[in-house]
């Protein structure tokens, strides 16, 4: 979510590694966030495991650097 005060842009996205995937997707531009996850090899965003898996868990399963993934997710959320 992006809010504006005057001409200053305030960003509200704050995806963290301990956030559930489903919760992360709802933090901003959900389409862009899903695209980052899909490009990282996480093709099962709607499955039961994704609903109970944290960003950190998913990164570990897919051999990804969690900090890099979180950075990309927050950038996507704000887009």
PDB file of N, CA and C in Angstrom:
ATOM      1  N   UNK A   1       0.847  -1.167   0.000  1.00  0.00           N
ATOM      2  CA  UNK A   1       0.000   0.000   0.000  1.00  0.00           C
ATOM      3  C   UNK A   1       0.893   1.230   0.000  1.00  0.00           C
ATOM      4  N   UNK A   2       0.511   2.212  -0.809  1.00  0.00           N
ATOM      5  CA  UNK A   2       1.267   3.453  -0.887  1.00  0.00           C
ATOM      6  C   UNK A   2       0.333   4.592  -0.540  1.00  0.00           C
ATOM      7  N   UNK A   3       0.758   5.419   0.367  1.00  0.00           N
ATOM      8  CA  UNK A   3       0.007   6.612   0.747  1.00  0.00           C
ATOM      9  C   UNK A   3       0.833   7.835   0.388  1.00  0.00           C
ATOM     10  N   UNK A   4       0.157   8.938   0.178  1.00  0.00           N
ATOM     11  CA  UNK A   4       0.833  10.184  -0.138  1.00  0.00           C
ATOM     12  C   UNK A   4       0.451  11.243   0.874  1.00  0.00           C
ATOM     13  N   UNK A   5       1.427  11.980   1.354  1.00  0.00           N
ATOM     14  CA  UNK A   5       1.194  13.150   2.194  1.00  0.00           C
ATOM     15  C   UNK A   5       1.854  14.292   1.440  1.00  0.00           C
ATOM     16  N   UNK A   6       1.019  15.202   0.968  1.00  0.00           N
ATOM     17  CA  UNK A   6       1.546  16.241   0.095  1.00  0.00           C
ATOM     18  C   UNK A   6       2.068  15.576  -1.160  1.00  0.00           C
ATOM     19  N   UNK A   7       3.317  15.812  -1.472  1.00  0.00           N
ATOM     20  CA  UNK A   7       3.932  15.176  -2.652  1.00  0.00           C
ATOM     21  C   UNK A   7       4.897  14.067  -2.238  1.00  0.00           C
ATOM     22  N   UNK A   8       4.957  13.812  -0.925  1.00  0.00           N
ATOM     23  CA  UNK A   8       5.878  12.791  -0.419  1.00  0.00           C
ATOM     24  C   UNK A   8       5.202  11.436  -0.443  1.00  0.00           C
ATOM     25  N   UNK A   9       5.852  10.444  -1.011  1.00  0.00           N
ATOM     26  CA  UNK A   9       5.326   9.091  -1.115  1.00  0.00           C
ATOM     27  C   UNK A   9       5.727   8.297   0.125  1.00  0.00           C
ATOM     28  N   UNK A  10       4.751   7.730   0.798  1.00  0.00           N
ATOM     29  CA  UNK A  10       5.012   6.880   1.962  1.00  0.00           C
ATOM     30  C   UNK A  10       4.718   5.443   1.584  1.00  0.00           C
ATOM     31  N   UNK A  11       5.649   4.562   1.810  1.00  0.00           N
ATOM     32  CA  UNK A  11       5.427   3.160   1.483  1.00  0.00           C
ATOM     33  C   UNK A  11       5.042   2.415   2.746  1.00  0.00           C
ATOM     34  N   UNK A  12       4.151   1.450   2.585  1.00  0.00           N
ATOM     35  CA  UNK A  12       3.643   0.712   3.720  1.00  0.00           C
ATOM     36  C   UNK A  12       4.085  -0.748   3.717  1.00  0.00           C
ATOM     37  N   UNK A  13       4.686  -1.204   2.626  1.00  0.00           N
ATOM     38  CA  UNK A  13       5.076  -2.602   2.535  1.00  0.00           C
ATOM     39  C   UNK A  13       6.175  -2.892   3.548  1.00  0.00           C
ATOM     40  N   UNK A  14       6.031  -3.985   4.238  1.00  0.00           N
ATOM     41  CA  UNK A  14       7.058  -4.416   5.176  1.00  0.00           C
ATOM     42  C   UNK A  14       7.003  -5.929   5.268  1.00  0.00           C
ATOM     43  N   UNK A  15       7.307  -6.574   4.177  1.00  0.00           N
ATOM     44  CA  UNK A  15       7.333  -8.032   4.156  1.00  0.00           C
ATOM     45  C   UNK A  15       8.584  -8.486   4.888  1.00  0.00           C
ATOM     46  N   UNK A  16       8.409  -9.449   5.783  1.00  0.00           N
ATOM     47  CA  UNK A  16       9.523  -9.975   6.564  1.00  0.00           C
ATOM     48  C   UNK A  16       9.673 -11.468   6.310  1.00  0.00           C
ATOM     49  N   UNK A  17      10.818 -12.000   6.690  1.00  0.00           N
ATOM     50  CA  UNK A  17      11.081 -13.418   6.429  1.00  0.00           C
ATOM     51  C   UNK A  17      10.207 -14.345   7.272  1.00  0.00           C
ATOM     52  N   UNK A  18       9.675 -13.859   8.382  1.00  0.00           N
ATOM     53  CA  UNK A  18       8.838 -14.716   9.223  1.00  0.00           C
ATOM     54  C   UNK A  18       7.346 -14.591   8.893  1.00  0.00           C
ATOM     55  N   UNK A  19       7.031 -13.843   7.848  1.00  0.00           N
ATOM     56  CA  UNK A  19       5.651 -13.662   7.410  1.00  0.00           C
ATOM     57  C   UNK A  19       5.217 -14.856   6.557  1.00  0.00           C
ATOM     58  N   UNK A  20       3.969 -15.283   6.725  1.00  0.00           N
ATOM     59  CA  UNK A  20       3.436 -16.350   5.885  1.00  0.00           C
ATOM     60  C   UNK A  20       3.322 -15.867   4.452  1.00  0.00           C
ATOM     61  N   UNK A  21       3.511 -16.779   3.489  1.00  0.00           N
ATOM     62  CA  UNK A  21       3.444 -16.431   2.072  1.00  0.00           C
ATOM     63  C   UNK A  21       2.118 -15.735   1.754  1.00  0.00           C
ATOM     64  N   UNK A  22       1.017 -16.298   2.223  1.00  0.00           N
ATOM     65  CA  UNK A  22      -0.292 -15.712   1.952  1.00  0.00           C
ATOM     66  C   UNK A  22      -0.418 -14.301   2.487  1.00  0.00           C
ATOM     67  N   UNK A  23       0.168 -14.058   3.642  1.00  0.00           N
ATOM     68  CA  UNK A  23       0.142 -12.728   4.242  1.00  0.00           C
ATOM     69  C   UNK A  23       1.034 -11.767   3.440  1.00  0.00           C
ATOM     70  N   UNK A  24       2.173 -12.260   2.999  1.00  0.00           N
ATOM     71  CA  UNK A  24       3.105 -11.442   2.218  1.00  0.00           C
ATOM     72  C   UNK A  24       2.450 -10.958   0.930  1.00  0.00           C
ATOM     73  N   UNK A  25       1.695 -11.831   0.294  1.00  0.00           N
ATOM     74  CA  UNK A  25       1.046 -11.480  -0.967  1.00  0.00           C
ATOM     75  C   UNK A  25       0.048 -10.339  -0.783  1.00  0.00           C
ATOM     76  N   UNK A  26      -0.510 -10.214   0.390  1.00  0.00           N
ATOM     77  CA  UNK A  26      -1.503  -9.171   0.657  1.00  0.00           C
ATOM     78  C   UNK A  26      -0.884  -7.840   1.111  1.00  0.00           C
ATOM     79  N   UNK A  27       0.426  -7.718   1.063  1.00  0.00           N
ATOM     80  CA  UNK A  27       1.088  -6.515   1.582  1.00  0.00           C
ATOM     81  C   UNK A  27       1.211  -5.366   0.596  1.00  0.00           C
ATOM     82  N   UNK A  28       0.728  -5.523  -0.599  1.00  0.00           N
ATOM     83  CA  UNK A  28       0.855  -4.440  -1.578  1.00  0.00           C
ATOM     84  C   UNK A  28       0.390  -4.923  -2.934  1.00  0.00           C
ATOM     85  N   UNK A  29       1.192  -4.698  -3.933  1.00  0.00           N
ATOM     86  CA  UNK A  29       0.881  -5.088  -5.301  1.00  0.00           C
ATOM     87  C   UNK A  29       0.957  -6.609  -5.403  1.00  0.00           C
ATOM     88  N   UNK A  30      -0.160  -7.269  -5.150  1.00  0.00           N
ATOM     89  CA  UNK A  30      -0.161  -8.735  -5.070  1.00  0.00           C
ATOM     90  C   UNK A  30       0.276  -9.399  -6.365  1.00  0.00           C
ATOM     91  N   UNK A  31      -0.054  -8.805  -7.494  1.00  0.00           N
ATOM     92  CA  UNK A  31       0.354  -9.390  -8.773  1.00  0.00           C
ATOM     93  C   UNK A  31       1.878  -9.345  -8.922  1.00  0.00           C
ATOM     94  N   UNK A  32       2.487  -8.233  -8.568  1.00  0.00           N
ATOM     95  CA  UNK A  32       3.939  -8.103  -8.657  1.00  0.00           C
ATOM     96  C   UNK A  32       4.639  -9.022  -7.650  1.00  0.00           C
ATOM     97  N   UNK A  33       4.075  -9.146  -6.464  1.00  0.00           N
ATOM     98  CA  UNK A  33       4.647 -10.035  -5.443  1.00  0.00           C
ATOM     99  C   UNK A  33       4.582 -11.478  -5.925  1.00  0.00           C
ATOM    100  N   UNK A  34       3.438 -11.884  -6.463  1.00  0.00           N
ATOM    101  CA  UNK A  34       3.285 -13.247  -6.978  1.00  0.00           C
ATOM    102  C   UNK A  34       4.268 -13.506  -8.112  1.00  0.00           C
ATOM    103  N   UNK A  35       4.507 -12.497  -8.940  1.00  0.00           N
ATOM    104  CA  UNK A  35       5.452 -12.656 -10.050  1.00  0.00           C
ATOM    105  C   UNK A  35       6.867 -12.909  -9.524  1.00  0.00           C
ATOM    106  N   UNK A  36       7.269 -12.188  -8.484  1.00  0.00           N
ATOM    107  CA  UNK A  36       8.592 -12.413  -7.878  1.00  0.00           C
ATOM    108  C   UNK A  36       8.682 -13.850  -7.366  1.00  0.00           C
ATOM    109  N   UNK A  37       7.647 -14.303  -6.676  1.00  0.00           N
ATOM    110  CA  UNK A  37       7.649 -15.669  -6.138  1.00  0.00           C
ATOM    111  C   UNK A  37       7.678 -16.709  -7.258  1.00  0.00           C
ATOM    112  N   UNK A  38       6.888 -16.487  -8.295  1.00  0.00           N
ATOM    113  CA  UNK A  38       6.865 -17.429  -9.425  1.00  0.00           C
ATOM    114  C   UNK A  38       8.221 -17.465 -10.122  1.00  0.00           C
ATOM    115  N   UNK A  39       8.833 -16.305 -10.320  1.00  0.00           N
ATOM    116  CA  UNK A  39      10.152 -16.250 -10.964  1.00  0.00           C
ATOM    117  C   UNK A  39      11.227 -16.917 -10.114  1.00  0.00           C
ATOM    118  N   UNK A  40      10.980 -17.009  -8.820  1.00  0.00           N
ATOM    119  CA  UNK A  40      11.923 -17.673  -7.910  1.00  0.00           C
ATOM    120  C   UNK A  40      11.688 -19.186  -7.852  1.00  0.00           C
ATOM    121  N   UNK A  41      10.703 -19.663  -8.623  1.00  0.00           N
ATOM    122  CA  UNK A  41      10.436 -21.097  -8.665  1.00  0.00           C
ATOM    123  C   UNK A  41       9.319 -21.556  -7.752  1.00  0.00           C
ATOM    124  N   UNK A  42       8.631 -20.632  -7.133  1.00  0.00           N
ATOM    125  CA  UNK A  42       7.531 -20.972  -6.224  1.00  0.00           C
ATOM    126  C   UNK A  42       6.224 -20.953  -7.011  1.00  0.00           C
ATOM    127  N   UNK A  43       5.964 -22.046  -7.695  1.00  0.00           N
ATOM    128  CA  UNK A  43       4.826 -22.121  -8.612  1.00  0.00           C
ATOM    129  C   UNK A  43       3.539 -22.578  -7.938  1.00  0.00           C
ATOM    130  N   UNK A  44       3.567 -22.858  -6.661  1.00  0.00           N
ATOM    131  CA  UNK A  44       2.396 -23.403  -5.981  1.00  0.00           C
ATOM    132  C   UNK A  44       1.876 -22.411  -4.941  1.00  0.00           C
ATOM    133  N   UNK A  45       1.635 -21.184  -5.369  1.00  0.00           N
ATOM    134  CA  UNK A  45       1.223 -20.141  -4.430  1.00  0.00           C
ATOM    135  C   UNK A  45      -0.129 -20.401  -3.786  1.00  0.00           C
ATOM    136  N   UNK A  46      -1.003 -21.118  -4.473  1.00  0.00           N
ATOM    137  CA  UNK A  46      -2.336 -21.366  -3.940  1.00  0.00           C
ATOM    138  C   UNK A  46      -2.479 -22.673  -3.196  1.00  0.00           C
ATOM    139  N   UNK A  47      -1.411 -23.456  -3.099  1.00  0.00           N
ATOM    140  CA  UNK A  47      -1.525 -24.766  -2.451  1.00  0.00           C
ATOM    141  C   UNK A  47      -1.545 -24.629  -0.925  1.00  0.00           C
ATOM    142  N   UNK A  48      -1.938 -25.680  -0.271  1.00  0.00           N
ATOM    143  CA  UNK A  48      -2.075 -25.668   1.188  1.00  0.00           C
ATOM    144  C   UNK A  48      -0.749 -25.368   1.890  1.00  0.00           C
ATOM    145  N   UNK A  49       0.348 -25.886   1.373  1.00  0.00           N
ATOM    146  CA  UNK A  49       1.647 -25.640   2.010  1.00  0.00           C
ATOM    147  C   UNK A  49       2.012 -24.158   1.981  1.00  0.00           C
ATOM    148  N   UNK A  50       1.719 -23.489   0.883  1.00  0.00           N
ATOM    149  CA  UNK A  50       2.062 -22.066   0.773  1.00  0.00           C
ATOM    150  C   UNK A  50       1.322 -21.245   1.812  1.00  0.00           C
ATOM    151  N   UNK A  51       0.148 -21.666   2.186  1.00  0.00           N
ATOM    152  CA  UNK A  51      -0.642 -20.905   3.160  1.00  0.00           C
ATOM    153  C   UNK A  51      -0.035 -20.971   4.563  1.00  0.00           C
ATOM    154  N   UNK A  52       0.683 -22.029   4.877  1.00  0.00           N
ATOM    155  CA  UNK A  52       1.255 -22.180   6.206  1.00  0.00           C
ATOM    156  C   UNK A  52       2.763 -22.072   6.233  1.00  0.00           C
ATOM    157  N   UNK A  53       3.355 -21.646   5.134  1.00  0.00           N
ATOM    158  CA  UNK A  53       4.804 -21.573   5.015  1.00  0.00           C
ATOM    159  C   UNK A  53       5.256 -20.115   5.077  1.00  0.00           C
ATOM    160  N   UNK A  54       6.326 -19.873   5.800  1.00  0.00           N
ATOM    161  CA  UNK A  54       6.854 -18.512   5.870  1.00  0.00           C
ATOM    162  C   UNK A  54       7.728 -18.237   4.647  1.00  0.00           C
ATOM    163  N   UNK A  55       8.023 -16.975   4.438  1.00  0.00           N
ATOM    164  CA  UNK A  55       8.925 -16.579   3.355  1.00  0.00           C
ATOM    165  C   UNK A  55      10.275 -17.256   3.556  1.00  0.00           C
ATOM    166  N   UNK A  56      10.731 -17.325   4.792  1.00  0.00           N
ATOM    167  CA  UNK A  56      12.015 -17.960   5.090  1.00  0.00           C
ATOM    168  C   UNK A  56      11.981 -19.460   4.783  1.00  0.00           C
ATOM    169  N   UNK A  57      10.903 -20.136   5.162  1.00  0.00           N
ATOM    170  CA  UNK A  57      10.754 -21.564   4.862  1.00  0.00           C
ATOM    171  C   UNK A  57      10.792 -21.796   3.362  1.00  0.00           C
ATOM    172  N   UNK A  58      10.044 -20.993   2.628  1.00  0.00           N
ATOM    173  CA  UNK A  58       9.965 -21.144   1.175  1.00  0.00           C
ATOM    174  C   UNK A  58      11.317 -20.889   0.537  1.00  0.00           C
ATOM    175  N   UNK A  59      12.033 -19.880   1.012  1.00  0.00           N
ATOM    176  CA  UNK A  59      13.362 -19.582   0.476  1.00  0.00           C
ATOM    177  C   UNK A  59      14.302 -20.763   0.707  1.00  0.00           C
ATOM    178  N   UNK A  60      14.255 -21.354   1.902  1.00  0.00           N
ATOM    179  CA  UNK A  60      15.118 -22.492   2.219  1.00  0.00           C
ATOM    180  C   UNK A  60      14.819 -23.691   1.324  1.00  0.00           C
ATOM    181  N   UNK A  61      13.534 -23.973   1.134  1.00  0.00           N
ATOM    182  CA  UNK A  61      13.130 -25.113   0.307  1.00  0.00           C
ATOM    183  C   UNK A  61      13.610 -24.932  -1.131  1.00  0.00           C
ATOM    184  N   UNK A  62      13.615 -23.686  -1.589  1.00  0.00           N
ATOM    185  CA  UNK A  62      13.980 -23.409  -2.975  1.00  0.00           C
ATOM    186  C   UNK A  62      15.428 -22.970  -3.136  1.00  0.00           C
ATOM    187  N   UNK A  63      16.220 -23.044  -2.057  1.00  0.00           N
ATOM    188  CA  UNK A  63      17.644 -22.722  -2.126  1.00  0.00           C
ATOM    189  C   UNK A  63      17.933 -21.259  -2.427  1.00  0.00           C
ATOM    190  N   UNK A  64      17.097 -20.368  -1.896  1.00  0.00           N
ATOM    191  CA  UNK A  64      17.246 -18.945  -2.158  1.00  0.00           C
ATOM    192  C   UNK A  64      17.763 -18.205  -0.932  1.00  0.00           C
ATOM    193  N   UNK A  65      18.430 -17.100  -1.168  1.00  0.00           N
ATOM    194  CA  UNK A  65      18.859 -16.224  -0.085  1.00  0.00           C
ATOM    195  C   UNK A  65      17.630 -15.460   0.401  1.00  0.00           C
ATOM    196  N   UNK A  66      17.245 -15.659   1.643  1.00  0.00           N
ATOM    197  CA  UNK A  66      16.003 -15.079   2.159  1.00  0.00           C
ATOM    198  C   UNK A  66      16.045 -13.555   2.177  1.00  0.00           C
ATOM    199  N   UNK A  67      17.184 -12.968   2.502  1.00  0.00           N
ATOM    200  CA  UNK A  67      17.270 -11.507   2.555  1.00  0.00           C
ATOM    201  C   UNK A  67      17.092 -10.890   1.169  1.00  0.00           C
ATOM    202  N   UNK A  68      17.665 -11.523   0.157  1.00  0.00           N
ATOM    203  CA  UNK A  68      17.504 -11.068  -1.220  1.00  0.00           C
ATOM    204  C   UNK A  68      16.043 -11.186  -1.649  1.00  0.00           C
ATOM    205  N   UNK A  69      15.414 -12.305  -1.297  1.00  0.00           N
ATOM    206  CA  UNK A  69      14.011 -12.512  -1.641  1.00  0.00           C
ATOM    207  C   UNK A  69      13.117 -11.474  -0.966  1.00  0.00           C
ATOM    208  N   UNK A  70      13.334 -11.214   0.308  1.00  0.00           N
ATOM    209  CA  UNK A  70      12.535 -10.228   1.045  1.00  0.00           C
ATOM    210  C   UNK A  70      12.693  -8.845   0.412  1.00  0.00           C
ATOM    211  N   UNK A  71      13.900  -8.494   0.029  1.00  0.00           N
ATOM    212  CA  UNK A  71      14.139  -7.197  -0.617  1.00  0.00           C
ATOM    213  C   UNK A  71      13.331  -7.093  -1.925  1.00  0.00           C
ATOM    214  N   UNK A  72      13.374  -8.147  -2.741  1.00  0.00           N
ATOM    215  CA  UNK A  72      12.638  -8.148  -4.003  1.00  0.00           C
ATOM    216  C   UNK A  72      11.129  -8.094  -3.761  1.00  0.00           C
ATOM    217  N   UNK A  73      10.659  -8.805  -2.752  1.00  0.00           N
ATOM    218  CA  UNK A  73       9.234  -8.810  -2.444  1.00  0.00           C
ATOM    219  C   UNK A  73       8.754  -7.422  -2.007  1.00  0.00           C
ATOM    220  N   UNK A  74       9.544  -6.741  -1.180  1.00  0.00           N
ATOM    221  CA  UNK A  74       9.160  -5.403  -0.736  1.00  0.00           C
ATOM    222  C   UNK A  74       9.183  -4.407  -1.894  1.00  0.00           C
ATOM    223  N   UNK A  75      10.149  -4.553  -2.787  1.00  0.00           N
ATOM    224  CA  UNK A  75      10.190  -3.681  -3.976  1.00  0.00           C
ATOM    225  C   UNK A  75       8.943  -3.922  -4.823  1.00  0.00           C
ATOM    226  N   UNK A  76       8.571  -5.186  -4.999  1.00  0.00           N
ATOM    227  CA  UNK A  76       7.378  -5.516  -5.788  1.00  0.00           C
ATOM    228  C   UNK A  76       6.110  -5.008  -5.112  1.00  0.00           C
ATOM    229  N   UNK A  77       6.050  -5.113  -3.806  1.00  0.00           N
ATOM    230  CA  UNK A  77       4.871  -4.667  -3.059  1.00  0.00           C
ATOM    231  C   UNK A  77       4.634  -3.178  -3.248  1.00  0.00           C
ATOM    232  N   UNK A  78       5.690  -2.430  -3.387  1.00  0.00           N
ATOM    233  CA  UNK A  78       5.594  -0.981  -3.518  1.00  0.00           C
ATOM    234  C   UNK A  78       5.413  -0.507  -4.953  1.00  0.00           C
ATOM    235  N   UNK A  79       5.498  -1.427  -5.902  1.00  0.00           N
ATOM    236  CA  UNK A  79       5.405  -1.029  -7.317  1.00  0.00           C
ATOM    237  C   UNK A  79       3.978  -0.790  -7.750  1.00  0.00           C
TER     238      UNK A  79
END
